[in-house]
Amino acid sequence: MSDTKPESFDDISASFSGHLKSHGNLTAVIKSVDMSEEMQQDAVRTALQAIEKFPVEKDIATFIKREFDKRYSPTWHCIVGRNFGSFVTHESRHFIYFYLGNIAFLLFKSG
């Protein structure tokens, strides 16, 4: 593994826990993942779009969930917030838990 950092979100390689990437004032930190690299990048990009469009965490989660339902077929679940615990069951290769700044994103497919 190289010590160089990727130049853009397109270069995110979060195949291990705790990967860091800065984007403006935000840093994406992948805490746990069972998802293709392409889908991981899409999750982070979609989360960035959502926080630019919506000030309320529920609306951010709704936007991400609906986008993933459209792109990757239902049924996706999304939890967004600064303080929550979780224990979920997900389909294989359809789970990501990450932070953008101090906001946590839990996105997974189940059902």
C-alpha atoms as a PDB file:
ATOM      1  CA  MET A   1       0.000   0.000   0.000  1.00  0.00           C
ATOM      2  CA  SER A   2       1.366   3.414  -0.942  1.00  0.00           C
ATOM      3  CA  ASP A   3       1.637   6.319   1.499  1.00  0.00           C
ATOM      4  CA  THR A   4       0.386   8.765  -1.130  1.00  0.00           C
ATOM      5  CA  LYS A   5      -3.123  10.113  -0.696  1.00  0.00           C
ATOM      6  CA  PRO A   6      -5.691  10.096  -3.530  1.00  0.00           C
ATOM      7  CA  GLU A   7      -6.305  13.359  -5.350  1.00  0.00           C
ATOM      8  CA  SER A   8     -10.097  13.162  -5.604  1.00  0.00           C
ATOM      9  CA  PHE A   9     -13.070  11.175  -4.371  1.00  0.00           C
ATOM     10  CA  ASP A  10     -12.839   9.216  -7.609  1.00  0.00           C
ATOM     11  CA  ASP A  11      -9.591   7.814  -6.225  1.00  0.00           C
ATOM     12  CA  ILE A  12     -11.013   6.700  -2.890  1.00  0.00           C
ATOM     13  CA  SER A  13      -9.886   3.207  -2.084  1.00  0.00           C
ATOM     14  CA  ALA A  14     -11.580   2.314   1.169  1.00  0.00           C
ATOM     15  CA  SER A  15     -10.874  -1.383   1.268  1.00  0.00           C
ATOM     16  CA  PHE A  16      -9.740  -0.989   4.867  1.00  0.00           C
ATOM     17  CA  SER A  17     -11.303   0.629   7.912  1.00  0.00           C
ATOM     18  CA  GLY A  18     -10.389   4.205   8.724  1.00  0.00           C
ATOM     19  CA  HIS A  19      -9.447   5.477   5.260  1.00  0.00           C
ATOM     20  CA  LEU A  20      -9.232   9.287   5.229  1.00  0.00           C
ATOM     21  CA  LYS A  21      -9.911  11.699   2.373  1.00  0.00           C
ATOM     22  CA  SER A  22     -10.266  15.459   2.490  1.00  0.00           C
ATOM     23  CA  HIS A  23     -12.754  17.322   0.324  1.00  0.00           C
ATOM     24  CA  GLY A  24     -12.922  21.036   1.001  1.00  0.00           C
ATOM     25  CA  ASN A  25     -13.687  21.366   4.696  1.00  0.00           C
ATOM     26  CA  LEU A  26     -14.861  17.753   4.979  1.00  0.00           C
ATOM     27  CA  THR A  27     -12.932  14.565   5.516  1.00  0.00           C
ATOM     28  CA  ALA A  28     -14.480  11.240   4.537  1.00  0.00           C
ATOM     29  CA  VAL A  29     -13.581   8.468   6.965  1.00  0.00           C
ATOM     30  CA  ILE A  30     -14.716   4.960   6.048  1.00  0.00           C
ATOM     31  CA  LYS A  31     -15.258   3.131   9.343  1.00  0.00           C
ATOM     32  CA  SER A  32     -16.689  -0.159   8.086  1.00  0.00           C
ATOM     33  CA  VAL A  33     -17.481  -1.368   4.596  1.00  0.00           C
ATOM     34  CA  ASP A  34     -18.725  -4.386   2.658  1.00  0.00           C
ATOM     35  CA  MET A  35     -19.263  -2.800  -0.752  1.00  0.00           C
ATOM     36  CA  SER A  36     -17.540  -2.448  -4.125  1.00  0.00           C
ATOM     37  CA  GLU A  37     -15.147   0.454  -4.476  1.00  0.00           C
ATOM     38  CA  GLU A  38     -17.343   2.010  -7.168  1.00  0.00           C
ATOM     39  CA  MET A  39     -20.410   1.883  -4.925  1.00  0.00           C
ATOM     40  CA  GLN A  40     -18.379   3.326  -2.014  1.00  0.00           C
ATOM     41  CA  GLN A  41     -17.395   6.283  -4.160  1.00  0.00           C
ATOM     42  CA  ASP A  42     -21.016   6.736  -5.199  1.00  0.00           C
ATOM     43  CA  ALA A  43     -22.134   6.677  -1.547  1.00  0.00           C
ATOM     44  CA  VAL A  44     -19.678   9.424  -0.579  1.00  0.00           C
ATOM     45  CA  ARG A  45     -20.540  11.539  -3.640  1.00  0.00           C
ATOM     46  CA  THR A  46     -24.268  11.144  -2.986  1.00  0.00           C
ATOM     47  CA  ALA A  47     -23.801  12.086   0.672  1.00  0.00           C
ATOM     48  CA  LEU A  48     -21.896  15.214  -0.379  1.00  0.00           C
ATOM     49  CA  GLN A  49     -24.728  16.176  -2.748  1.00  0.00           C
ATOM     50  CA  ALA A  50     -27.268  15.593   0.006  1.00  0.00           C
ATOM     51  CA  ILE A  51     -25.538  17.760   2.607  1.00  0.00           C
ATOM     52  CA  GLU A  52     -25.224  20.551   0.050  1.00  0.00           C
ATOM     53  CA  LYS A  53     -28.974  20.380  -0.728  1.00  0.00           C
ATOM     54  CA  PHE A  54     -30.523  19.748   2.687  1.00  0.00           C
ATOM     55  CA  PRO A  55     -29.893  21.148   6.184  1.00  0.00           C
ATOM     56  CA  VAL A  56     -31.912  18.469   8.044  1.00  0.00           C
ATOM     57  CA  GLU A  57     -30.422  15.009   8.668  1.00  0.00           C
ATOM     58  CA  LYS A  58     -33.722  13.226   7.940  1.00  0.00           C
ATOM     59  CA  ASP A  59     -33.885  14.892   4.515  1.00  0.00           C
ATOM     60  CA  ILE A  60     -30.250  13.987   3.846  1.00  0.00           C
ATOM     61  CA  ALA A  61     -30.981  10.337   4.675  1.00  0.00           C
ATOM     62  CA  THR A  62     -34.133  10.350   2.526  1.00  0.00           C
ATOM     63  CA  PHE A  63     -32.230  11.730  -0.479  1.00  0.00           C
ATOM     64  CA  ILE A  64     -29.441   9.129  -0.194  1.00  0.00           C
ATOM     65  CA  LYS A  65     -31.894   6.239   0.301  1.00  0.00           C
ATOM     66  CA  ARG A  66     -33.993   7.226  -2.709  1.00  0.00           C
ATOM     67  CA  GLU A  67     -30.943   7.697  -4.937  1.00  0.00           C
ATOM     68  CA  PHE A  68     -29.604   4.247  -4.015  1.00  0.00           C
ATOM     69  CA  ASP A  69     -33.029   2.651  -4.499  1.00  0.00           C
ATOM     70  CA  LYS A  70     -33.038   4.131  -8.036  1.00  0.00           C
ATOM     71  CA  ARG A  71     -29.449   3.259  -8.917  1.00  0.00           C
ATOM     72  CA  TYR A  72     -29.065  -0.129  -7.241  1.00  0.00           C
ATOM     73  CA  SER A  73     -32.688  -1.327  -6.794  1.00  0.00           C
ATOM     74  CA  PRO A  74     -34.604  -1.389  -3.484  1.00  0.00           C
ATOM     75  CA  THR A  75     -34.531  -1.729  -0.561  1.00  0.00           C
ATOM     76  CA  TRP A  76     -31.869   0.574   0.892  1.00  0.00           C
ATOM     77  CA  HIS A  77     -31.847   2.060   4.379  1.00  0.00           C
ATOM     78  CA  CYS A  78     -29.948   5.178   5.420  1.00  0.00           C
ATOM     79  CA  ILE A  79     -29.267   6.630   8.851  1.00  0.00           C
ATOM     80  CA  VAL A  80     -27.579  10.023   9.174  1.00  0.00           C
ATOM     81  CA  GLY A  81     -26.606  11.746  12.383  1.00  0.00           C
ATOM     82  CA  ARG A  82     -24.039  12.779  14.934  1.00  0.00           C
ATOM     83  CA  ASN A  83     -24.858  10.291  17.682  1.00  0.00           C
ATOM     84  CA  PHE A  84     -26.465   6.881  17.193  1.00  0.00           C
ATOM     85  CA  GLY A  85     -25.804   3.224  17.776  1.00  0.00           C
ATOM     86  CA  SER A  86     -26.695   0.484  15.338  1.00  0.00           C
ATOM     87  CA  PHE A  87     -26.792  -3.241  14.787  1.00  0.00           C
ATOM     88  CA  VAL A  88     -28.155  -4.185  11.374  1.00  0.00           C
ATOM     89  CA  THR A  89     -28.421  -7.113   9.003  1.00  0.00           C
ATOM     90  CA  HIS A  90     -27.496  -6.344   5.402  1.00  0.00           C
ATOM     91  CA  GLU A  91     -27.134  -8.071   2.083  1.00  0.00           C
ATOM     92  CA  SER A  92     -23.600  -9.112   1.217  1.00  0.00           C
ATOM     93  CA  ARG A  93     -21.588  -6.347  -0.537  1.00  0.00           C
ATOM     94  CA  HIS A  94     -24.219  -3.688   0.291  1.00  0.00           C
ATOM     95  CA  PHE A  95     -23.060  -1.917   3.469  1.00  0.00           C
ATOM     96  CA  ILE A  96     -21.057   1.205   4.292  1.00  0.00           C
ATOM     97  CA  TYR A  97     -20.564   3.223   7.462  1.00  0.00           C
ATOM     98  CA  PHE A  98     -18.610   6.447   7.085  1.00  0.00           C
ATOM     99  CA  TYR A  99     -18.214   9.996   8.330  1.00  0.00           C
ATOM    100  CA  LEU A 100     -18.116  13.264   6.430  1.00  0.00           C
ATOM    101  CA  GLY A 101     -16.786  15.755   8.919  1.00  0.00           C
ATOM    102  CA  ASN A 102     -18.689  15.086  12.137  1.00  0.00           C
ATOM    103  CA  ILE A 103     -21.760  13.542  10.459  1.00  0.00           C
ATOM    104  CA  ALA A 104     -22.073   9.748  10.342  1.00  0.00           C
ATOM    105  CA  PHE A 105     -23.705   7.893   7.445  1.00  0.00           C
ATOM    106  CA  LEU A 106     -24.922   4.319   7.668  1.00  0.00           C
ATOM    107  CA  LEU A 107     -26.168   2.985   4.331  1.00  0.00           C
ATOM    108  CA  PHE A 108     -27.161  -0.614   3.723  1.00  0.00           C
ATOM    109  CA  LYS A 109     -29.447  -2.796   1.646  1.00  0.00           C
ATOM    110  CA  SER A 110     -31.800  -5.271   3.303  1.00  0.00           C
ATOM    111  CA  GLY A 111     -35.091  -6.737   2.194  1.00  0.00           C
END
